[in-house]
Amino acid sequence: RVLLKLTRKLLAGSKLDQRVQKYILAGTRLLLYIVTALIVADCLHINMTSLVALLSVGSLGITLAAEDILGNVAGGLVILSSHPFAIGDFVEVSGTSGTVDEISLNHTKLVTPDGLMVMLPNKELASSRMTNYTVLGRRRVTRKITASYDAPTETVKAACRQALEATENVLEDPAPSIYLTEYGSSSIEYTVYCWATVEHYWQVHFDLNEHLRTAFAQNGVEMTYDHLNVH
């Protein structure tokens, strides 16, 4: 009880997640019970050598059989202690993207944009490259669009600025920017950058697409496309 009380005080002063603290306390309690049982058996002059050897062999077999499970538990503790993401964050791991719905010791649940529940093992999450789209609070919207060589550069940029002004929820800081990025075989490519909060990202993404088409038409800028003549 004294050791557990001391452990609780040490954990309370740390920055570890509450769930991690709970697991550490449970593991410490189990270890102390085992040590206590061994001390009591030794005081009663019970020969524990054979039992300890048997327990060692059994624990080795269990460890080998549950290697993946223990790896997931270790990965879960790493995730809970390092906080690479939290519940509600939108992340991408190993080609799977979705909103974090639950973090357990073995698995992490993601809800994909198309309404699927994906269970990812924590061992894979802890060792794979992970992208968190939510943690910084904002995302950059990037749209590439082509215009005719006949359209003056300033006219195209003015049309892009008009589209940005017509799009709601575009952040003013950082300010939107427009660049001429490539000379193609039959068109010039322009890239429009702007920023939006995480919750408004997709709305800004699609609204800007529509407003670019409208602004190009209003400013007389031709959106070029390939032509195929079949003889």
Protein backbone atom coordinates (compact mmCIF):
# COMPACT_ATOMS: atom_id res chain seq x y z
CA ARG A 1 0.00 0.00 0.00
CA VAL A 2 2.89 2.37 0.80
CA LEU A 3 4.58 1.66 -2.52
CA LEU A 4 1.30 2.11 -4.43
CA LYS A 5 0.65 5.39 -2.63
CA LEU A 6 4.14 6.59 -3.54
CA THR A 7 3.62 5.52 -7.16
CA ARG A 8 0.33 7.45 -7.33
CA LYS A 9 2.04 10.61 -6.07
CA LEU A 10 4.83 10.27 -8.63
CA LEU A 11 2.35 9.72 -11.46
CA ALA A 12 0.16 12.61 -10.33
CA GLY A 13 3.12 14.96 -10.73
CA SER A 14 3.93 13.65 -14.22
CA LYS A 15 2.40 14.65 -17.56
CA LEU A 16 1.39 11.11 -18.51
CA ASP A 17 -2.08 10.43 -19.86
CA GLN A 18 -4.63 9.31 -17.23
CA ARG A 19 -5.10 5.97 -19.02
CA VAL A 20 -1.34 5.33 -19.00
CA GLN A 21 -1.23 6.12 -15.28
CA LYS A 22 -4.04 3.63 -14.68
CA TYR A 23 -2.20 0.88 -16.58
CA ILE A 24 1.07 1.58 -14.72
CA LEU A 25 -0.72 1.39 -11.37
CA ALA A 26 -2.41 -1.89 -12.33
CA GLY A 27 0.91 -3.39 -13.45
CA THR A 28 2.67 -2.20 -10.29
CA ARG A 29 -0.09 -3.65 -8.11
CA LEU A 30 0.15 -7.04 -9.87
CA LEU A 31 3.95 -7.10 -9.55
CA LEU A 32 3.80 -6.24 -5.85
CA TYR A 33 1.26 -9.01 -5.20
CA ILE A 34 3.56 -11.53 -6.91
CA VAL A 35 6.57 -10.36 -4.90
CA THR A 36 4.51 -10.47 -1.70
CA ALA A 37 3.36 -14.01 -2.45
CA LEU A 38 6.97 -15.12 -3.03
CA ILE A 39 8.14 -13.49 0.23
CA VAL A 40 5.32 -15.14 2.22
CA ALA A 41 6.05 -18.54 0.67
CA ASP A 42 9.74 -18.19 1.50
CA CYS A 43 8.88 -17.28 5.11
CA LEU A 44 6.74 -20.44 5.32
CA HIS A 45 9.77 -22.43 4.08
CA ILE A 46 8.03 -23.46 0.87
CA ASN A 47 10.50 -24.37 -1.87
CA MET A 48 9.69 -21.97 -4.70
CA THR A 49 12.60 -22.86 -6.98
CA SER A 50 10.64 -25.31 -9.13
CA LEU A 51 7.58 -23.08 -9.22
CA VAL A 52 9.65 -20.04 -10.27
CA ALA A 53 11.33 -22.08 -13.02
CA LEU A 54 7.92 -23.33 -14.19
CA LEU A 55 6.52 -19.81 -14.18
CA SER A 56 9.55 -18.57 -16.14
CA VAL A 57 9.06 -21.21 -18.85
CA GLY A 58 5.32 -20.53 -18.95
CA SER A 59 5.79 -16.77 -19.19
CA LEU A 60 8.30 -17.25 -22.03
CA GLY A 61 5.81 -19.39 -23.94
CA ILE A 62 3.01 -16.88 -23.38
CA THR A 63 5.28 -14.03 -24.50
CA LEU A 64 6.18 -15.79 -27.75
CA ALA A 65 2.56 -16.72 -28.44
CA ALA A 66 1.28 -13.21 -27.73
CA GLU A 67 4.08 -11.32 -29.47
CA ASP A 68 1.73 -9.29 -31.69
CA ILE A 69 -0.62 -8.52 -28.79
CA LEU A 70 2.25 -7.35 -26.60
CA GLY A 71 3.59 -5.29 -29.52
CA ASN A 72 0.19 -3.63 -29.85
CA VAL A 73 0.08 -2.94 -26.10
CA ALA A 74 3.55 -1.38 -26.24
CA GLY A 75 2.47 0.69 -29.24
CA GLY A 76 -0.66 1.79 -27.38
CA LEU A 77 1.41 2.96 -24.41
CA VAL A 78 3.70 4.89 -26.78
CA ILE A 79 0.70 6.57 -28.43
CA LEU A 80 -0.96 7.44 -25.12
CA SER A 81 2.26 8.87 -23.69
CA SER A 82 3.57 10.78 -26.74
CA HIS A 83 0.16 12.12 -27.94
CA PRO A 84 0.77 12.09 -31.73
CA PHE A 85 -3.00 12.45 -32.15
CA ALA A 86 -6.14 12.74 -30.05
CA ILE A 87 -9.74 11.61 -30.39
CA GLY A 88 -11.41 13.72 -33.09
CA ASP A 89 -8.22 14.32 -35.10
CA PHE A 90 -8.19 13.53 -38.83
CA VAL A 91 -5.11 11.41 -39.58
CA GLU A 92 -3.63 9.31 -42.38
CA VAL A 93 -1.66 6.12 -41.68
CA SER A 94 -0.45 3.55 -44.23
CA GLY A 95 -2.82 4.84 -46.90
CA THR A 96 -5.85 4.86 -44.57
CA SER A 97 -7.30 8.21 -43.53
CA GLY A 98 -10.10 8.99 -41.11
CA THR A 99 -11.17 10.60 -37.85
CA VAL A 100 -9.86 9.03 -34.63
CA ASP A 101 -12.86 7.61 -32.76
CA GLU A 102 -11.23 5.53 -30.01
CA ILE A 103 -7.73 4.78 -28.70
CA SER A 104 -7.29 1.53 -26.76
CA LEU A 105 -4.21 -0.47 -25.77
CA ASN A 106 -4.54 -2.87 -28.72
CA HIS A 107 -6.21 -0.92 -31.53
CA THR A 108 -7.14 2.56 -32.65
CA LYS A 109 -10.50 3.07 -34.39
CA LEU A 110 -10.73 5.39 -37.39
CA VAL A 111 -13.97 6.52 -39.04
CA THR A 112 -13.31 7.12 -42.75
CA PRO A 113 -15.02 9.90 -44.74
CA ASP A 114 -17.19 7.29 -46.51
CA GLY A 115 -18.57 6.00 -43.20
CA LEU A 116 -16.39 2.93 -42.57
CA MET A 117 -14.93 1.87 -39.23
CA VAL A 118 -11.26 0.83 -39.57
CA MET A 119 -9.37 -0.90 -36.74
CA LEU A 120 -5.62 -0.22 -36.93
CA PRO A 121 -3.19 -2.12 -34.66
CA ASN A 122 -1.22 0.18 -32.40
CA LYS A 123 2.03 -1.60 -33.29
CA GLU A 124 1.62 -0.41 -36.89
CA LEU A 125 0.55 3.09 -35.82
CA ALA A 126 3.55 3.54 -33.53
CA SER A 127 6.08 2.45 -36.17
CA SER A 128 4.55 3.87 -39.38
CA ARG A 129 4.58 7.34 -40.86
CA MET A 130 1.50 9.19 -39.67
CA THR A 131 0.08 12.51 -40.92
CA ASN A 132 -2.12 14.54 -38.57
CA TYR A 133 -4.23 17.06 -40.49
CA THR A 134 -5.95 18.50 -37.42
CA VAL A 135 -3.33 19.24 -34.78
CA LEU A 136 -2.18 22.60 -36.22
CA GLY A 137 -5.75 23.89 -36.54
CA ARG A 138 -5.55 24.89 -40.23
CA ARG A 139 -4.84 23.39 -43.65
CA ARG A 140 -3.65 24.79 -46.95
CA VAL A 141 -5.92 24.51 -49.98
CA THR A 142 -3.99 24.08 -53.25
CA ARG A 143 -5.74 24.34 -56.61
CA LYS A 144 -3.97 24.03 -59.97
CA ILE A 145 -5.69 25.49 -63.03
CA THR A 146 -4.67 26.06 -66.66
CA ALA A 147 -5.32 29.04 -68.92
CA SER A 148 -4.68 29.85 -72.56
CA TYR A 149 -1.40 31.40 -73.70
CA ASP A 150 -3.50 34.22 -75.14
CA ALA A 151 -4.72 35.29 -71.68
CA PRO A 152 -2.49 37.93 -70.02
CA THR A 153 -0.98 36.78 -66.74
CA GLU A 154 -2.44 39.69 -64.74
CA THR A 155 -5.92 38.96 -66.12
CA VAL A 156 -5.68 35.34 -64.99
CA LYS A 157 -4.41 36.35 -61.54
CA ALA A 158 -7.20 38.92 -61.23
CA ALA A 159 -9.75 36.19 -62.00
CA CYS A 160 -8.17 33.95 -59.35
CA ARG A 161 -8.30 36.77 -56.79
CA GLN A 162 -11.97 37.32 -57.65
CA ALA A 163 -12.64 33.62 -57.03
CA LEU A 164 -10.84 33.79 -53.68
CA GLU A 165 -12.87 36.82 -52.60
CA ALA A 166 -16.08 35.00 -53.49
CA THR A 167 -15.10 31.96 -51.42
CA GLU A 168 -16.18 32.07 -47.77
CA ASN A 169 -14.03 31.01 -44.79
CA VAL A 170 -10.68 31.66 -46.49
CA LEU A 171 -8.20 32.81 -43.85
CA GLU A 172 -6.56 36.20 -44.34
CA ASP A 173 -3.44 35.18 -42.42
CA PRO A 174 -1.52 33.59 -44.07
CA ALA A 175 -2.68 35.56 -47.09
CA PRO A 176 -3.73 33.70 -50.26
CA SER A 177 -1.18 33.61 -53.07
CA ILE A 178 -1.25 32.95 -56.82
CA TYR A 179 1.72 31.80 -58.89
CA LEU A 180 2.45 30.92 -62.51
CA THR A 181 3.94 27.47 -62.02
CA GLU A 182 4.39 25.79 -65.41
CA TYR A 183 4.40 26.33 -69.19
CA GLY A 184 2.59 23.40 -70.78
CA SER A 185 2.39 22.28 -74.41
CA SER A 186 -0.92 24.07 -74.97
CA SER A 187 -1.61 26.00 -71.76
CA ILE A 188 -0.09 27.82 -68.82
CA GLU A 189 -0.57 26.37 -65.34
CA TYR A 190 -1.37 28.61 -62.37
CA THR A 191 -1.47 27.49 -58.74
CA VAL A 192 -3.73 29.11 -56.14
CA TYR A 193 -2.85 28.73 -52.45
CA CYS A 194 -5.06 29.67 -49.53
CA TRP A 195 -5.61 28.56 -45.95
CA ALA A 196 -8.72 27.39 -44.08
CA THR A 197 -9.53 26.00 -40.67
CA VAL A 198 -9.78 22.23 -40.41
CA GLU A 199 -13.58 22.20 -40.18
CA HIS A 200 -13.96 24.44 -43.26
CA TYR A 201 -11.24 22.82 -45.40
CA TRP A 202 -13.45 20.77 -47.73
CA GLN A 203 -16.03 23.54 -48.08
CA VAL A 204 -13.31 25.98 -49.18
CA HIS A 205 -11.77 23.32 -51.46
CA PHE A 206 -14.95 22.72 -53.47
CA ASP A 207 -16.29 26.30 -53.35
CA LEU A 208 -13.01 27.62 -54.75
CA ASN A 209 -13.27 25.13 -57.62
CA GLU A 210 -16.68 26.47 -58.62
CA HIS A 211 -15.74 30.13 -58.20
CA LEU A 212 -12.60 29.73 -60.34
CA ARG A 213 -14.68 28.51 -63.28
CA THR A 214 -17.17 31.37 -62.85
CA ALA A 215 -14.44 34.02 -62.48
CA PHE A 216 -12.59 32.78 -65.59
CA ALA A 217 -15.79 33.01 -67.64
CA GLN A 218 -16.54 36.53 -66.37
CA ASN A 219 -13.01 37.74 -67.19
CA GLY A 220 -12.89 36.09 -70.62
CA VAL A 221 -10.09 33.68 -69.70
CA GLU A 222 -10.17 30.44 -71.67
CA MET A 223 -9.67 27.22 -69.70
CA THR A 224 -7.80 25.10 -72.25
CA TYR A 225 -8.18 21.37 -72.73
CA ASP A 226 -6.72 18.78 -75.06
CA HIS A 227 -8.32 18.14 -78.47
CA LEU A 228 -8.22 14.82 -80.31
CA ASN A 229 -8.83 14.58 -84.06
CA VAL A 230 -9.64 11.08 -85.31
CA HIS A 231 -9.29 10.42 -89.06
